[in-house]
Amino acid sequence: MDMTKLPNPKTWLVPVIGDNSFYQKVQNDRLIAAQKYGTIRKSIGKVTVEFYGMIAYKIITPGGVEILLDPFRNAPDLDLGGIWFLSQFPEIYADVVVSTHAHGDHDGMMRVHAPMVLDRLAGTVEIGDAKITGFPDKHVSNPENEIYDGRILEQAFAKHNYPPGENMEWDNSIILIETEGFRIVFWGDNRQNPPQEILDELGDIDIFLSAVSDDGHITTARWGEKLGKEVMNAKVVFPGHYNVEGINHPYASGIIDAAQFARMHDHTFLKETSVSFSKEDIKDYNFHVMYFGENVNWKVLKWPHKYNYDYPMVSIEEWPGDHREWTVYKPEGKERY
């Protein structure tokens, strides 16, 4: 039974929106191995970055620890934005799943089969060759883009969205992942002006994953460059929070892509759904944009007028077939009762 179709006592939504890890066929053996042996595999000396749409990225450390950041879902309450996604996040494995804040486009953790869940992390967790630190701060409330400012955003959501007095959804944790000399910052939807002490602790970084898109609805190109290039001296940047056909509703959570942002800088338009590199590979990079575009690491249904299917279309003669289930009610020996 689909519980979401029942009348709306809030408790009936718990099986849909709550923790469902009790039924996931996943074990914590990889985490035990990482803690016991210091790594899951012999180090390959490279970090792998995979893209899953929206701002969901998976980081795989050189020693094989898989960290999935900010999977998405549709909010369970229409007051929280309604239908933002045309596809559910894929049910995939990760050793650790991390959510930066309590918005549906970032907290679909129940879709990820992960033995460790870090929700709005504050402090440090170490597992295997990964050290994950969360710096609690605040969600962006005034993007300073060409579409809207903070006042319009507040009116659109009909919610007070900045301190003091904001509710939990407007809190955000900046995530720092350290592994074998790499410093990787996942910004989530954090504001552009966190306290200087946070920026001092983040320091110079290798990889910057940020909600930069060409419409700048979360982080504008100007702020993305200022934070990533001028403040943190990132060698590589991965944009996110942009529209991917077949995943995003065309009028929500990202209107356009981030191709223009990529073209504004040294860039690589990636043709695959993941990329791996060593510290040596990127040592000479300076804010080099690696852009996945619509190359996500799972099969997304897209309309055939634009994207060719890689499987044959079923003819109408075969679909669904002429089963005539109603004939079980036909009277014996005659056409009508």
C-alpha atoms as a PDB file:
ATOM      1  CA  MET A   1       0.000   0.000   0.000  1.00  0.00           C
ATOM      2  CA  ASP A   2       1.255   3.470  -0.857  1.00  0.00           C
ATOM      3  CA  MET A   3       1.042   5.319   2.458  1.00  0.00           C
ATOM      4  CA  THR A   4       1.320   8.680   0.727  1.00  0.00           C
ATOM      5  CA  LYS A   5      -2.120   8.147  -0.853  1.00  0.00           C
ATOM      6  CA  LEU A   6      -3.878   7.769   2.507  1.00  0.00           C
ATOM      7  CA  PRO A   7      -5.497  10.667   4.365  1.00  0.00           C
ATOM      8  CA  ASN A   8      -2.882  12.860   5.922  1.00  0.00           C
ATOM      9  CA  PRO A   9      -2.299  12.150   9.631  1.00  0.00           C
ATOM     10  CA  LYS A  10       1.376  13.009   9.859  1.00  0.00           C
ATOM     11  CA  THR A  11       2.304   9.768  11.621  1.00  0.00           C
ATOM     12  CA  TRP A  12       1.239   7.785   8.557  1.00  0.00           C
ATOM     13  CA  LEU A  13       4.047   9.377   6.580  1.00  0.00           C
ATOM     14  CA  VAL A  14       6.732   7.960   8.860  1.00  0.00           C
ATOM     15  CA  PRO A  15       7.256   4.754   6.822  1.00  0.00           C
ATOM     16  CA  VAL A  16       7.745   6.918   3.719  1.00  0.00           C
ATOM     17  CA  ILE A  17       9.992   9.685   4.968  1.00  0.00           C
ATOM     18  CA  GLY A  18      11.730   8.194   7.999  1.00  0.00           C
ATOM     19  CA  ASP A  19      14.777   5.997   8.391  1.00  0.00           C
ATOM     20  CA  ASN A  20      14.262   2.814   6.362  1.00  0.00           C
ATOM     21  CA  SER A  21      17.709   1.281   6.830  1.00  0.00           C
ATOM     22  CA  PHE A  22      16.171  -1.637   8.752  1.00  0.00           C
ATOM     23  CA  TYR A  23      15.157  -3.273   5.466  1.00  0.00           C
ATOM     24  CA  GLN A  24      18.241  -2.479   3.417  1.00  0.00           C
ATOM     25  CA  LYS A  25      20.379  -5.466   2.574  1.00  0.00           C
ATOM     26  CA  VAL A  26      23.639  -3.873   3.653  1.00  0.00           C
ATOM     27  CA  GLN A  27      26.226  -4.705   6.280  1.00  0.00           C
ATOM     28  CA  ASN A  28      28.898  -2.721   8.100  1.00  0.00           C
ATOM     29  CA  ASP A  29      31.739  -5.112   7.263  1.00  0.00           C
ATOM     30  CA  ARG A  30      33.547  -2.591   5.067  1.00  0.00           C
ATOM     31  CA  LEU A  31      33.524  -0.079   7.922  1.00  0.00           C
ATOM     32  CA  ILE A  32      34.863  -2.718  10.301  1.00  0.00           C
ATOM     33  CA  ALA A  33      37.636  -3.482   7.820  1.00  0.00           C
ATOM     34  CA  ALA A  34      38.446   0.214   7.349  1.00  0.00           C
ATOM     35  CA  GLN A  35      38.689   0.706  11.108  1.00  0.00           C
ATOM     36  CA  LYS A  36      40.612  -2.510  11.734  1.00  0.00           C
ATOM     37  CA  TYR A  37      43.056  -2.412   8.800  1.00  0.00           C
ATOM     38  CA  GLY A  38      43.260   1.348   8.199  1.00  0.00           C
ATOM     39  CA  THR A  39      41.848   1.027   4.697  1.00  0.00           C
ATOM     40  CA  ILE A  40      39.563  -1.184   2.619  1.00  0.00           C
ATOM     41  CA  ARG A  41      42.070  -1.795  -0.145  1.00  0.00           C
ATOM     42  CA  LYS A  42      45.672  -1.008  -0.965  1.00  0.00           C
ATOM     43  CA  SER A  43      45.867   2.695  -1.816  1.00  0.00           C
ATOM     44  CA  ILE A  44      45.737   3.555  -5.513  1.00  0.00           C
ATOM     45  CA  GLY A  45      47.038   7.076  -4.846  1.00  0.00           C
ATOM     46  CA  LYS A  46      44.032   8.698  -6.523  1.00  0.00           C
ATOM     47  CA  VAL A  47      40.727  10.198  -5.460  1.00  0.00           C
ATOM     48  CA  THR A  48      37.644   9.348  -7.534  1.00  0.00           C
ATOM     49  CA  VAL A  49      34.723  11.768  -7.961  1.00  0.00           C
ATOM     50  CA  GLU A  50      31.366  10.489  -9.263  1.00  0.00           C
ATOM     51  CA  PHE A  51      28.322  12.616 -10.142  1.00  0.00           C
ATOM     52  CA  TYR A  52      24.719  11.592  -9.430  1.00  0.00           C
ATOM     53  CA  GLY A  53      22.809  14.746 -10.356  1.00  0.00           C
ATOM     54  CA  MET A  54      21.742  17.869  -8.488  1.00  0.00           C
ATOM     55  CA  ILE A  55      24.675  18.338  -6.089  1.00  0.00           C
ATOM     56  CA  ALA A  56      25.052  14.655  -5.172  1.00  0.00           C
ATOM     57  CA  TYR A  57      28.658  13.560  -5.475  1.00  0.00           C
ATOM     58  CA  LYS A  58      30.447  10.431  -4.327  1.00  0.00           C
ATOM     59  CA  ILE A  59      34.054  10.704  -3.198  1.00  0.00           C
ATOM     60  CA  ILE A  60      36.071   7.471  -3.194  1.00  0.00           C
ATOM     61  CA  THR A  61      39.284   7.763  -1.227  1.00  0.00           C
ATOM     62  CA  PRO A  62      42.542   6.185  -2.431  1.00  0.00           C
ATOM     63  CA  GLY A  63      41.959   3.436   0.123  1.00  0.00           C
ATOM     64  CA  GLY A  64      38.447   2.753  -1.169  1.00  0.00           C
ATOM     65  CA  VAL A  65      36.164   4.438   1.392  1.00  0.00           C
ATOM     66  CA  GLU A  66      33.001   5.616  -0.412  1.00  0.00           C
ATOM     67  CA  ILE A  67      31.439   8.882   0.821  1.00  0.00           C
ATOM     68  CA  LEU A  68      28.142   9.982  -0.783  1.00  0.00           C
ATOM     69  CA  LEU A  69      27.284  13.657  -0.354  1.00  0.00           C
ATOM     70  CA  ASP A  70      23.802  15.211  -0.411  1.00  0.00           C
ATOM     71  CA  PRO A  71      21.504  12.726  -2.202  1.00  0.00           C
ATOM     72  CA  PHE A  72      18.161  14.230  -3.197  1.00  0.00           C
ATOM     73  CA  ARG A  73      14.470  13.403  -2.776  1.00  0.00           C
ATOM     74  CA  ASN A  74      11.148  15.135  -3.230  1.00  0.00           C
ATOM     75  CA  ALA A  75      10.051  16.879  -0.052  1.00  0.00           C
ATOM     76  CA  PRO A  76       7.257  14.974   1.753  1.00  0.00           C
ATOM     77  CA  ASP A  77       5.287  18.153   2.403  1.00  0.00           C
ATOM     78  CA  LEU A  78       4.112  20.483  -0.372  1.00  0.00           C
ATOM     79  CA  ASP A  79       4.958  23.406   1.895  1.00  0.00           C
ATOM     80  CA  LEU A  80       8.604  22.396   1.453  1.00  0.00           C
ATOM     81  CA  GLY A  81       8.555  22.829  -2.303  1.00  0.00           C
ATOM     82  CA  GLY A  82       6.552  19.955  -3.746  1.00  0.00           C
ATOM     83  CA  ILE A  83       7.829  18.003  -6.733  1.00  0.00           C
ATOM     84  CA  TRP A  84      11.370  19.053  -7.589  1.00  0.00           C
ATOM     85  CA  PHE A  85      12.559  15.793  -9.143  1.00  0.00           C
ATOM     86  CA  LEU A  86      11.213  13.615 -11.941  1.00  0.00           C
ATOM     87  CA  SER A  87      13.328  10.649 -10.837  1.00  0.00           C
ATOM     88  CA  GLN A  88      14.006   9.177  -7.439  1.00  0.00           C
ATOM     89  CA  PHE A  89      17.609   9.026  -6.313  1.00  0.00           C
ATOM     90  CA  PRO A  90      19.028   5.593  -7.186  1.00  0.00           C
ATOM     91  CA  GLU A  91      19.328   3.029  -4.418  1.00  0.00           C
ATOM     92  CA  ILE A  92      23.107   2.744  -4.360  1.00  0.00           C
ATOM     93  CA  TYR A  93      25.749   1.733  -1.832  1.00  0.00           C
ATOM     94  CA  ALA A  94      28.132   4.011   0.030  1.00  0.00           C
ATOM     95  CA  ASP A  95      30.141   3.397   3.171  1.00  0.00           C
ATOM     96  CA  VAL A  96      29.128   6.817   4.498  1.00  0.00           C
ATOM     97  CA  VAL A  97      26.297   9.116   3.426  1.00  0.00           C
ATOM     98  CA  VAL A  98      26.485  12.793   4.389  1.00  0.00           C
ATOM     99  CA  SER A  99      23.764  15.457   4.319  1.00  0.00           C
ATOM    100  CA  THR A 100      24.634  19.124   4.757  1.00  0.00           C
ATOM    101  CA  HIS A 101      21.144  20.374   5.624  1.00  0.00           C
ATOM    102  CA  ALA A 102      17.453  19.578   5.957  1.00  0.00           C
ATOM    103  CA  HIS A 103      16.160  20.328   2.447  1.00  0.00           C
ATOM    104  CA  GLY A 104      14.771  17.623   0.193  1.00  0.00           C
ATOM    105  CA  ASP A 105      17.299  18.290  -2.549  1.00  0.00           C
ATOM    106  CA  HIS A 106      20.078  17.418  -0.075  1.00  0.00           C
ATOM    107  CA  ASP A 107      18.761  14.941   2.513  1.00  0.00           C
ATOM    108  CA  GLY A 108      17.543  11.878   0.596  1.00  0.00           C
ATOM    109  CA  MET A 109      19.716   9.653   2.772  1.00  0.00           C
ATOM    110  CA  MET A 110      17.100   6.916   3.003  1.00  0.00           C
ATOM    111  CA  ARG A 111      17.735   6.137  -0.683  1.00  0.00           C
ATOM    112  CA  VAL A 112      21.396   5.312  -0.018  1.00  0.00           C
ATOM    113  CA  HIS A 113      22.347   1.913   1.376  1.00  0.00           C
ATOM    114  CA  ALA A 114      24.976   3.160   3.804  1.00  0.00           C
ATOM    115  CA  PRO A 115      25.996   1.658   7.160  1.00  0.00           C
ATOM    116  CA  MET A 116      27.070   5.120   8.432  1.00  0.00           C
ATOM    117  CA  VAL A 117      24.897   8.253   8.242  1.00  0.00           C
ATOM    118  CA  LEU A 118      26.243  11.736   9.017  1.00  0.00           C
ATOM    119  CA  ASP A 119      23.417  14.268   9.072  1.00  0.00           C
ATOM    120  CA  ARG A 120      24.343  17.956   9.486  1.00  0.00           C
ATOM    121  CA  LEU A 121      27.740  16.951  10.865  1.00  0.00           C
ATOM    122  CA  ALA A 122      29.532  19.043  13.467  1.00  0.00           C
ATOM    123  CA  GLY A 123      32.959  17.833  14.530  1.00  0.00           C
ATOM    124  CA  THR A 124      35.188  15.145  13.059  1.00  0.00           C
ATOM    125  CA  VAL A 125      34.755  11.478  12.147  1.00  0.00           C
ATOM    126  CA  GLU A 126      37.670   9.320  10.991  1.00  0.00           C
ATOM    127  CA  ILE A 127      37.210   6.008   9.198  1.00  0.00           C
ATOM    128  CA  GLY A 128      39.889   4.258   7.159  1.00  0.00           C
ATOM    129  CA  ASP A 129      41.893   6.807   5.208  1.00  0.00           C
ATOM    130  CA  ALA A 130      39.087   9.401   5.424  1.00  0.00           C
ATOM    131  CA  LYS A 131      38.808  12.232   7.916  1.00  0.00           C
ATOM    132  CA  ILE A 132      35.444  14.002   7.635  1.00  0.00           C
ATOM    133  CA  THR A 133      34.873  17.298   9.439  1.00  0.00           C
ATOM    134  CA  GLY A 134      31.644  19.278   9.578  1.00  0.00           C
ATOM    135  CA  PHE A 135      31.609  23.023  10.192  1.00  0.00           C
ATOM    136  CA  PRO A 136      28.075  24.033  11.215  1.00  0.00           C
ATOM    137  CA  ASP A 137      27.041  27.362   9.682  1.00  0.00           C
ATOM    138  CA  LYS A 138      24.025  28.777   7.815  1.00  0.00           C
ATOM    139  CA  HIS A 139      22.239  28.239   4.500  1.00  0.00           C
ATOM    140  CA  VAL A 140      22.454  30.978   1.881  1.00  0.00           C
ATOM    141  CA  SER A 141      19.615  33.454   2.341  1.00  0.00           C
ATOM    142  CA  ASN A 142      20.619  36.201  -0.098  1.00  0.00           C
ATOM    143  CA  PRO A 143      22.142  34.758  -3.284  1.00  0.00           C
ATOM    144  CA  GLU A 144      22.730  38.222  -4.784  1.00  0.00           C
ATOM    145  CA  ASN A 145      21.913  36.883  -8.238  1.00  0.00           C
ATOM    146  CA  GLU A 146      20.018  38.477 -11.123  1.00  0.00           C
ATOM    147  CA  ILE A 147      16.774  36.648 -10.321  1.00  0.00           C
ATOM    148  CA  TYR A 148      16.079  37.468  -6.686  1.00  0.00           C
ATOM    149  CA  ASP A 149      17.569  38.783  -3.481  1.00  0.00           C
ATOM    150  CA  GLY A 150      17.017  37.617   0.061  1.00  0.00           C
ATOM    151  CA  ARG A 151      13.744  39.497   0.493  1.00  0.00           C
ATOM    152  CA  ILE A 152      12.151  37.876  -2.560  1.00  0.00           C
ATOM    153  CA  LEU A 153      13.448  34.452  -1.483  1.00  0.00           C
ATOM    154  CA  GLU A 154      11.870  34.891   1.936  1.00  0.00           C
ATOM    155  CA  GLN A 155       8.540  35.862   0.387  1.00  0.00           C
ATOM    156  CA  ALA A 156       8.646  32.936  -2.058  1.00  0.00           C
ATOM    157  CA  PHE A 157       9.119  30.396   0.756  1.00  0.00           C
ATOM    158  CA  ALA A 158       6.949  32.366   3.192  1.00  0.00           C
ATOM    159  CA  LYS A 159       9.560  31.599   5.835  1.00  0.00           C
ATOM    160  CA  HIS A 160      12.103  33.526   7.832  1.00  0.00           C
ATOM    161  CA  ASN A 161      15.349  32.184   6.384  1.00  0.00           C
ATOM    162  CA  TYR A 162      18.241  33.891   8.160  1.00  0.00           C
ATOM    163  CA  PRO A 163      19.486  34.278  11.739  1.00  0.00           C
ATOM    164  CA  PRO A 164      18.342  34.944  14.296  1.00  0.00           C
ATOM    165  CA  GLY A 165      15.197  32.872  14.607  1.00  0.00           C
ATOM    166  CA  GLU A 166      15.404  30.695  11.478  1.00  0.00           C
ATOM    167  CA  ASN A 167      14.320  27.067  11.678  1.00  0.00           C
ATOM    168  CA  MET A 168      16.480  23.986  11.140  1.00  0.00           C
ATOM    169  CA  GLU A 169      16.232  23.914   7.347  1.00  0.00           C
ATOM    170  CA  TRP A 170      18.252  27.127   7.147  1.00  0.00           C
ATOM    171  CA  ASP A 171      21.231  25.656   8.985  1.00  0.00           C
ATOM    172  CA  ASN A 172      24.000  24.077   6.882  1.00  0.00           C
ATOM    173  CA  SER A 173      27.248  22.226   7.515  1.00  0.00           C
ATOM    174  CA  ILE A 174      30.299  22.764   5.329  1.00  0.00           C
ATOM    175  CA  ILE A 175      32.095  19.434   4.874  1.00  0.00           C
ATOM    176  CA  LEU A 176      35.871  18.979   4.705  1.00  0.00           C
ATOM    177  CA  ILE A 177      37.193  15.570   3.622  1.00  0.00           C
ATOM    178  CA  GLU A 178      40.895  14.888   4.108  1.00  0.00           C
ATOM    179  CA  THR A 179      42.517  11.810   2.602  1.00  0.00           C
ATOM    180  CA  GLU A 180      46.145  11.104   1.724  1.00  0.00           C
ATOM    181  CA  GLY A 181      47.025  14.782   1.439  1.00  0.00           C
ATOM    182  CA  PHE A 182      43.860  15.783  -0.451  1.00  0.00           C
ATOM    183  CA  ARG A 183      41.677  18.509   1.057  1.00  0.00           C
ATOM    184  CA  ILE A 184      38.163  18.390  -0.392  1.00  0.00           C
ATOM    185  CA  VAL A 185      35.490  20.954   0.526  1.00  0.00           C
ATOM    186  CA  PHE A 186      31.807  20.282  -0.078  1.00  0.00           C
ATOM    187  CA  TRP A 187      29.994  23.587   0.370  1.00  0.00           C
ATOM    188  CA  GLY A 188      26.378  22.363   0.219  1.00  0.00           C
ATOM    189  CA  ASP A 189      24.098  25.409   0.109  1.00  0.00           C
ATOM    190  CA  ASN A 190      26.128  27.387   2.612  1.00  0.00           C
ATOM    191  CA  ARG A 191      26.030  31.177   2.676  1.00  0.00           C
ATOM    192  CA  GLN A 192      28.771  33.112   0.946  1.00  0.00           C
ATOM    193  CA  ASN A 193      30.030  34.831   4.084  1.00  0.00           C
ATOM    194  CA  PRO A 194      30.669  32.309   6.852  1.00  0.00           C
ATOM    195  CA  PRO A 195      32.744  33.461   9.835  1.00  0.00           C
ATOM    196  CA  GLN A 196      36.390  34.011   8.998  1.00  0.00           C
ATOM    197  CA  GLU A 197      37.450  31.372  11.525  1.00  0.00           C
ATOM    198  CA  ILE A 198      35.746  28.693   9.401  1.00  0.00           C
ATOM    199  CA  LEU A 199      37.535  29.873   6.272  1.00  0.00           C
ATOM    200  CA  ASP A 200      40.825  29.888   8.189  1.00  0.00           C
ATOM    201  CA  GLU A 201      40.296  26.259   9.230  1.00  0.00           C
ATOM    202  CA  LEU A 202      39.407  25.210   5.685  1.00  0.00           C
ATOM    203  CA  GLY A 203      42.589  26.858   4.373  1.00  0.00           C
ATOM    204  CA  ASP A 204      43.923  26.034   0.914  1.00  0.00           C
ATOM    205  CA  ILE A 205      42.164  23.107  -0.721  1.00  0.00           C
ATOM    206  CA  ASP A 206      42.488  20.755  -3.670  1.00  0.00           C
ATOM    207  CA  ILE A 207      38.864  20.130  -4.647  1.00  0.00           C
ATOM    208  CA  PHE A 208      35.860  22.455  -4.289  1.00  0.00           C
ATOM    209  CA  LEU A 209      32.340  21.046  -4.796  1.00  0.00           C
ATOM    210  CA  SER A 210      29.819  23.888  -4.800  1.00  0.00           C
ATOM    211  CA  ALA A 211      26.243  24.759  -5.770  1.00  0.00           C
ATOM    212  CA  VAL A 212      27.345  26.952  -8.684  1.00  0.00           C
ATOM    213  CA  SER A 213      25.008  27.169 -11.670  1.00  0.00           C
ATOM    214  CA  ASP A 214      24.547  29.625 -14.509  1.00  0.00           C
ATOM    215  CA  ASP A 215      21.367  31.075 -12.997  1.00  0.00           C
ATOM    216  CA  GLY A 216      23.124  31.471  -9.653  1.00  0.00           C
ATOM    217  CA  HIS A 217      20.019  30.521  -7.693  1.00  0.00           C
ATOM    218  CA  ILE A 218      22.201  29.263  -4.820  1.00  0.00           C
ATOM    219  CA  THR A 219      25.788  30.314  -5.562  1.00  0.00           C
ATOM    220  CA  THR A 220      26.504  32.757  -8.360  1.00  0.00           C
ATOM    221  CA  ALA A 221      29.508  32.420 -10.639  1.00  0.00           C
ATOM    222  CA  ARG A 222      30.981  35.501  -8.971  1.00  0.00           C
ATOM    223  CA  TRP A 223      30.676  34.077  -5.476  1.00  0.00           C
ATOM    224  CA  GLY A 224      31.808  30.619  -6.596  1.00  0.00           C
ATOM    225  CA  GLU A 225      35.000  32.100  -7.988  1.00  0.00           C
ATOM    226  CA  LYS A 226      35.579  34.353  -4.984  1.00  0.00           C
ATOM    227  CA  LEU A 227      35.231  31.528  -2.476  1.00  0.00           C
ATOM    228  CA  GLY A 228      36.901  28.771  -4.429  1.00  0.00           C
ATOM    229  CA  LYS A 229      39.667  30.689  -6.156  1.00  0.00           C
ATOM    230  CA  GLU A 230      40.404  33.791  -4.091  1.00  0.00           C
ATOM    231  CA  VAL A 231      39.716  32.448  -0.602  1.00  0.00           C
ATOM    232  CA  MET A 232      40.524  28.714  -0.708  1.00  0.00           C
ATOM    233  CA  ASN A 233      42.844  28.523  -3.761  1.00  0.00           C
ATOM    234  CA  ALA A 234      41.085  25.414  -5.061  1.00  0.00           C
ATOM    235  CA  LYS A 235      42.911  23.518  -7.771  1.00  0.00           C
ATOM    236  CA  VAL A 236      39.790  21.801  -9.127  1.00  0.00           C
ATOM    237  CA  VAL A 237      36.123  22.811  -8.865  1.00  0.00           C
ATOM    238  CA  PHE A 238      33.012  20.741  -9.566  1.00  0.00           C
ATOM    239  CA  PRO A 239      29.782  22.779  -9.996  1.00  0.00           C
ATOM    240  CA  GLY A 240      26.418  21.411  -8.907  1.00  0.00           C
ATOM    241  CA  HIS A 241      22.792  22.202  -8.080  1.00  0.00           C
ATOM    242  CA  TYR A 242      22.002  22.610 -11.788  1.00  0.00           C
ATOM    243  CA  ASN A 243      19.357  21.164 -14.078  1.00  0.00           C
ATOM    244  CA  VAL A 244      19.811  17.673 -15.525  1.00  0.00           C
ATOM    245  CA  GLU A 245      17.100  16.543 -17.926  1.00  0.00           C
ATOM    246  CA  GLY A 246      15.173  13.569 -16.603  1.00  0.00           C
ATOM    247  CA  ILE A 247      16.165  14.303 -13.000  1.00  0.00           C
ATOM    248  CA  ASN A 248      15.132  17.874 -12.226  1.00  0.00           C
ATOM    249  CA  HIS A 249      11.678  19.301 -12.697  1.00  0.00           C
ATOM    250  CA  PRO A 250      12.290  22.028 -15.298  1.00  0.00           C
ATOM    251  CA  TYR A 251      10.924  24.786 -13.050  1.00  0.00           C
ATOM    252  CA  ALA A 252      12.438  23.824  -9.717  1.00  0.00           C
ATOM    253  CA  SER A 253      15.786  23.308  -7.997  1.00  0.00           C
ATOM    254  CA  GLY A 254      17.899  24.543 -10.876  1.00  0.00           C
ATOM    255  CA  ILE A 255      16.596  26.129 -14.052  1.00  0.00           C
ATOM    256  CA  ILE A 256      19.620  25.824 -16.310  1.00  0.00           C
ATOM    257  CA  ASP A 257      22.999  24.136 -16.307  1.00  0.00           C
ATOM    258  CA  ALA A 258      26.511  25.331 -15.445  1.00  0.00           C
ATOM    259  CA  ALA A 259      28.158  25.158 -18.867  1.00  0.00           C
ATOM    260  CA  GLN A 260      28.792  28.888 -19.105  1.00  0.00           C
ATOM    261  CA  PHE A 261      30.430  28.923 -15.691  1.00  0.00           C
ATOM    262  CA  ALA A 262      32.754  26.173 -16.883  1.00  0.00           C
ATOM    263  CA  ARG A 263      33.649  28.075 -20.057  1.00  0.00           C
ATOM    264  CA  MET A 264      34.585  31.143 -18.006  1.00  0.00           C
ATOM    265  CA  HIS A 265      37.582  29.263 -16.588  1.00  0.00           C
ATOM    266  CA  ASP A 266      40.085  26.620 -17.568  1.00  0.00           C
ATOM    267  CA  HIS A 267      37.842  23.625 -17.869  1.00  0.00           C
ATOM    268  CA  THR A 268      37.271  20.045 -18.883  1.00  0.00           C
ATOM    269  CA  PHE A 269      33.894  18.886 -20.177  1.00  0.00           C
ATOM    270  CA  LEU A 270      33.901  15.357 -18.792  1.00  0.00           C
ATOM    271  CA  LYS A 271      32.486  12.652 -21.040  1.00  0.00           C
ATOM    272  CA  GLU A 272      32.257   9.985 -18.356  1.00  0.00           C
ATOM    273  CA  THR A 273      30.346   9.828 -15.074  1.00  0.00           C
ATOM    274  CA  SER A 274      33.434   9.704 -12.859  1.00  0.00           C
ATOM    275  CA  VAL A 275      36.986  11.009 -12.849  1.00  0.00           C
ATOM    276  CA  SER A 276      40.075   9.983 -10.872  1.00  0.00           C
ATOM    277  CA  PHE A 277      43.282  11.892 -10.287  1.00  0.00           C
ATOM    278  CA  SER A 278      46.309  12.029  -8.010  1.00  0.00           C
ATOM    279  CA  LYS A 279      47.795  15.037  -6.259  1.00  0.00           C
ATOM    280  CA  GLU A 280      50.478  15.073  -8.944  1.00  0.00           C
ATOM    281  CA  ASP A 281      47.870  15.134 -11.719  1.00  0.00           C
ATOM    282  CA  ILE A 282      46.360  18.419 -10.486  1.00  0.00           C
ATOM    283  CA  LYS A 283      49.364  20.144  -8.887  1.00  0.00           C
ATOM    284  CA  ASP A 284      49.519  22.822 -11.603  1.00  0.00           C
ATOM    285  CA  TYR A 285      45.773  23.466 -11.785  1.00  0.00           C
ATOM    286  CA  ASN A 286      44.312  26.761 -10.626  1.00  0.00           C
ATOM    287  CA  PHE A 287      40.509  26.697 -10.283  1.00  0.00           C
ATOM    288  CA  HIS A 288      40.142  24.237 -13.151  1.00  0.00           C
ATOM    289  CA  VAL A 289      36.434  23.460 -13.649  1.00  0.00           C
ATOM    290  CA  MET A 290      35.607  19.790 -14.227  1.00  0.00           C
ATOM    291  CA  TYR A 291      32.047  19.688 -15.532  1.00  0.00           C
ATOM    292  CA  PHE A 292      30.005  16.492 -15.780  1.00  0.00           C
ATOM    293  CA  GLY A 293      27.035  18.174 -17.448  1.00  0.00           C
ATOM    294  CA  GLU A 294      24.317  15.528 -17.783  1.00  0.00           C
ATOM    295  CA  ASN A 295      26.684  12.586 -17.321  1.00  0.00           C
ATOM    296  CA  VAL A 296      25.340  11.035 -14.130  1.00  0.00           C
ATOM    297  CA  ASN A 297      26.424   7.683 -12.739  1.00  0.00           C
ATOM    298  CA  TRP A 298      23.074   5.910 -13.123  1.00  0.00           C
ATOM    299  CA  LYS A 299      20.489   5.280 -15.810  1.00  0.00           C
ATOM    300  CA  VAL A 300      18.090   8.228 -16.120  1.00  0.00           C
ATOM    301  CA  LEU A 301      15.002   8.004 -18.315  1.00  0.00           C
ATOM    302  CA  LYS A 302      15.077  10.806 -20.896  1.00  0.00           C
ATOM    303  CA  TRP A 303      12.729  11.601 -23.731  1.00  0.00           C
ATOM    304  CA  PRO A 304      13.658   9.832 -27.006  1.00  0.00           C
ATOM    305  CA  HIS A 305      13.197  12.943 -29.160  1.00  0.00           C
ATOM    306  CA  LYS A 306      16.446  14.210 -27.669  1.00  0.00           C
ATOM    307  CA  TYR A 307      18.259  11.159 -26.341  1.00  0.00           C
ATOM    308  CA  ASN A 308      18.340   7.783 -28.067  1.00  0.00           C
ATOM    309  CA  TYR A 309      17.447   4.833 -25.896  1.00  0.00           C
ATOM    310  CA  ASP A 310      20.037   2.079 -25.713  1.00  0.00           C
ATOM    311  CA  TYR A 311      17.337  -0.594 -25.795  1.00  0.00           C
ATOM    312  CA  PRO A 312      14.770  -1.393 -28.545  1.00  0.00           C
ATOM    313  CA  MET A 313      11.349   0.232 -28.393  1.00  0.00           C
ATOM    314  CA  VAL A 314       8.451  -2.207 -27.888  1.00  0.00           C
ATOM    315  CA  SER A 315       5.873  -2.157 -30.683  1.00  0.00           C
ATOM    316  CA  ILE A 316       2.226  -1.496 -29.874  1.00  0.00           C
ATOM    317  CA  GLU A 317       1.385  -5.005 -31.103  1.00  0.00           C
ATOM    318  CA  GLU A 318       3.524  -6.461 -28.325  1.00  0.00           C
ATOM    319  CA  TRP A 319       2.598  -3.962 -25.635  1.00  0.00           C
ATOM    320  CA  PRO A 320       0.908  -5.004 -23.455  1.00  0.00           C
ATOM    321  CA  GLY A 321      -0.474  -7.854 -25.531  1.00  0.00           C
ATOM    322  CA  ASP A 322      -4.037  -8.994 -26.113  1.00  0.00           C
ATOM    323  CA  HIS A 323      -4.673 -10.779 -22.818  1.00  0.00           C
ATOM    324  CA  ARG A 324      -8.490 -10.242 -22.631  1.00  0.00           C
ATOM    325  CA  GLU A 325      -8.648 -10.837 -18.863  1.00  0.00           C
ATOM    326  CA  TRP A 326     -12.357 -10.043 -18.843  1.00  0.00           C
ATOM    327  CA  THR A 327     -13.218 -13.316 -20.615  1.00  0.00           C
ATOM    328  CA  VAL A 328     -13.052 -15.173 -17.272  1.00  0.00           C
ATOM    329  CA  TYR A 329     -16.508 -13.720 -16.641  1.00  0.00           C
ATOM    330  CA  LYS A 330     -17.994 -14.900 -19.980  1.00  0.00           C
ATOM    331  CA  PRO A 331     -21.058 -17.155 -19.566  1.00  0.00           C
ATOM    332  CA  GLU A 332     -20.563 -20.723 -20.699  1.00  0.00           C
ATOM    333  CA  GLY A 333     -22.070 -21.552 -24.072  1.00  0.00           C
ATOM    334  CA  LYS A 334     -23.430 -18.112 -24.894  1.00  0.00           C
ATOM    335  CA  GLU A 335     -22.344 -14.539 -25.485  1.00  0.00           C
ATOM    336  CA  ARG A 336     -24.445 -12.801 -22.818  1.00  0.00           C
ATOM    337  CA  TYR A 337     -26.084 -13.675 -19.515  1.00  0.00           C
END
